[in-house]
Amino acid sequence: MREVEETLAHNLREVREKKGYTLKDVVKGTGYTEVSISRWETGTRIPKATVLYNLAKFYGVSVDRFFWK
């Protein structure tokens, strides 16, 4: 299971960076806190499905993009 969590965390950051967004941009666009986003991107916390849906919508990607290897 840890592998899935690490992949998710890595891909959340990768998608954000490839789209050219800073953490502050994502905060403004989604309403999530910078601390929460950072924790999701480091794997400290695992986001709920609704969070993944909202992030995918914000980034313009499908939710499954966060689980690619």
C-alpha atoms as a PDB file:
ATOM      1  CA  MET A   1       0.000   0.000   0.000  1.00  0.00           C
ATOM      2  CA  ARG A   2       2.856   2.387   0.733  1.00  0.00           C
ATOM      3  CA  GLU A   3       3.850   2.304  -2.938  1.00  0.00           C
ATOM      4  CA  VAL A   4       0.456   3.690  -3.959  1.00  0.00           C
ATOM      5  CA  GLU A   5       0.731   6.472  -1.378  1.00  0.00           C
ATOM      6  CA  GLU A   6       4.230   7.408  -2.562  1.00  0.00           C
ATOM      7  CA  THR A   7       3.122   7.423  -6.198  1.00  0.00           C
ATOM      8  CA  LEU A   8       0.138   9.602  -5.341  1.00  0.00           C
ATOM      9  CA  ALA A   9       2.259  12.105  -3.403  1.00  0.00           C
ATOM     10  CA  HIS A  10       4.879  12.271  -6.165  1.00  0.00           C
ATOM     11  CA  ASN A  11       2.286  12.753  -8.893  1.00  0.00           C
ATOM     12  CA  LEU A  12       0.377  15.445  -7.014  1.00  0.00           C
ATOM     13  CA  ARG A  13       3.549  17.538  -6.888  1.00  0.00           C
ATOM     14  CA  GLU A  14       4.598  16.633 -10.425  1.00  0.00           C
ATOM     15  CA  VAL A  15       1.261  17.676 -11.933  1.00  0.00           C
ATOM     16  CA  ARG A  16       1.302  20.970 -10.032  1.00  0.00           C
ATOM     17  CA  GLU A  17       4.850  21.778 -11.122  1.00  0.00           C
ATOM     18  CA  LYS A  18       4.271  20.771 -14.763  1.00  0.00           C
ATOM     19  CA  LYS A  19       1.226  23.043 -14.857  1.00  0.00           C
ATOM     20  CA  GLY A  20       3.420  25.870 -13.516  1.00  0.00           C
ATOM     21  CA  TYR A  21       1.489  26.396 -10.290  1.00  0.00           C
ATOM     22  CA  THR A  22       2.930  27.367  -6.926  1.00  0.00           C
ATOM     23  CA  LEU A  23       1.372  26.179  -3.690  1.00  0.00           C
ATOM     24  CA  LYS A  24      -0.118  29.650  -3.282  1.00  0.00           C
ATOM     25  CA  ASP A  25      -1.757  29.375  -6.725  1.00  0.00           C
ATOM     26  CA  VAL A  26      -3.411  26.116  -5.722  1.00  0.00           C
ATOM     27  CA  VAL A  27      -4.572  27.638  -2.429  1.00  0.00           C
ATOM     28  CA  LYS A  28      -6.219  30.490  -4.329  1.00  0.00           C
ATOM     29  CA  GLY A  29      -7.764  28.176  -6.910  1.00  0.00           C
ATOM     30  CA  THR A  30      -9.048  25.451  -4.613  1.00  0.00           C
ATOM     31  CA  GLY A  31      -9.465  26.898  -1.136  1.00  0.00           C
ATOM     32  CA  TYR A  32      -7.322  24.193   0.452  1.00  0.00           C
ATOM     33  CA  THR A  33      -4.605  25.338   2.832  1.00  0.00           C
ATOM     34  CA  GLU A  34      -0.953  25.412   1.873  1.00  0.00           C
ATOM     35  CA  VAL A  35      -0.219  23.080   4.792  1.00  0.00           C
ATOM     36  CA  SER A  36      -2.753  20.508   3.548  1.00  0.00           C
ATOM     37  CA  ILE A  37      -1.462  20.618  -0.021  1.00  0.00           C
ATOM     38  CA  SER A  38       2.111  20.263   1.177  1.00  0.00           C
ATOM     39  CA  ARG A  39       1.186  17.272   3.346  1.00  0.00           C
ATOM     40  CA  TRP A  40      -0.546  15.573   0.413  1.00  0.00           C
ATOM     41  CA  GLU A  41       2.475  16.179  -1.820  1.00  0.00           C
ATOM     42  CA  THR A  42       4.911  14.760   0.732  1.00  0.00           C
ATOM     43  CA  GLY A  43       2.748  11.766   1.583  1.00  0.00           C
ATOM     44  CA  THR A  44       2.308  12.823   5.196  1.00  0.00           C
ATOM     45  CA  ARG A  45      -1.461  12.789   4.670  1.00  0.00           C
ATOM     46  CA  ILE A  46      -3.615  11.088   2.065  1.00  0.00           C
ATOM     47  CA  PRO A  47      -6.313  13.264   0.466  1.00  0.00           C
ATOM     48  CA  LYS A  48      -9.929  12.121   0.339  1.00  0.00           C
ATOM     49  CA  ALA A  49     -11.514  11.204  -2.985  1.00  0.00           C
ATOM     50  CA  THR A  50     -13.388  14.512  -3.135  1.00  0.00           C
ATOM     51  CA  VAL A  51     -10.110  16.383  -2.731  1.00  0.00           C
ATOM     52  CA  LEU A  52      -8.525  14.393  -5.558  1.00  0.00           C
ATOM     53  CA  TYR A  53     -11.541  15.156  -7.738  1.00  0.00           C
ATOM     54  CA  ASN A  54     -11.303  18.882  -6.997  1.00  0.00           C
ATOM     55  CA  LEU A  55      -7.549  18.989  -7.585  1.00  0.00           C
ATOM     56  CA  ALA A  56      -7.930  17.110 -10.874  1.00  0.00           C
ATOM     57  CA  LYS A  57     -10.599  19.562 -11.981  1.00  0.00           C
ATOM     58  CA  PHE A  58      -8.396  22.516 -11.030  1.00  0.00           C
ATOM     59  CA  TYR A  59      -5.368  21.099 -12.887  1.00  0.00           C
ATOM     60  CA  GLY A  60      -7.416  20.000 -15.894  1.00  0.00           C
ATOM     61  CA  VAL A  61      -6.447  16.336 -15.608  1.00  0.00           C
ATOM     62  CA  SER A  62      -8.296  13.125 -14.789  1.00  0.00           C
ATOM     63  CA  VAL A  63      -8.073  11.698 -11.279  1.00  0.00           C
ATOM     64  CA  ASP A  64      -6.264   8.615 -12.559  1.00  0.00           C
ATOM     65  CA  ARG A  65      -3.331  10.869 -13.548  1.00  0.00           C
ATOM     66  CA  PHE A  66      -2.423  11.036  -9.868  1.00  0.00           C
ATOM     67  CA  PHE A  67      -1.910   7.257  -9.801  1.00  0.00           C
ATOM     68  CA  TRP A  68       0.288   6.813 -12.899  1.00  0.00           C
ATOM     69  CA  LYS A  69       3.613   5.106 -12.409  1.00  0.00           C
END
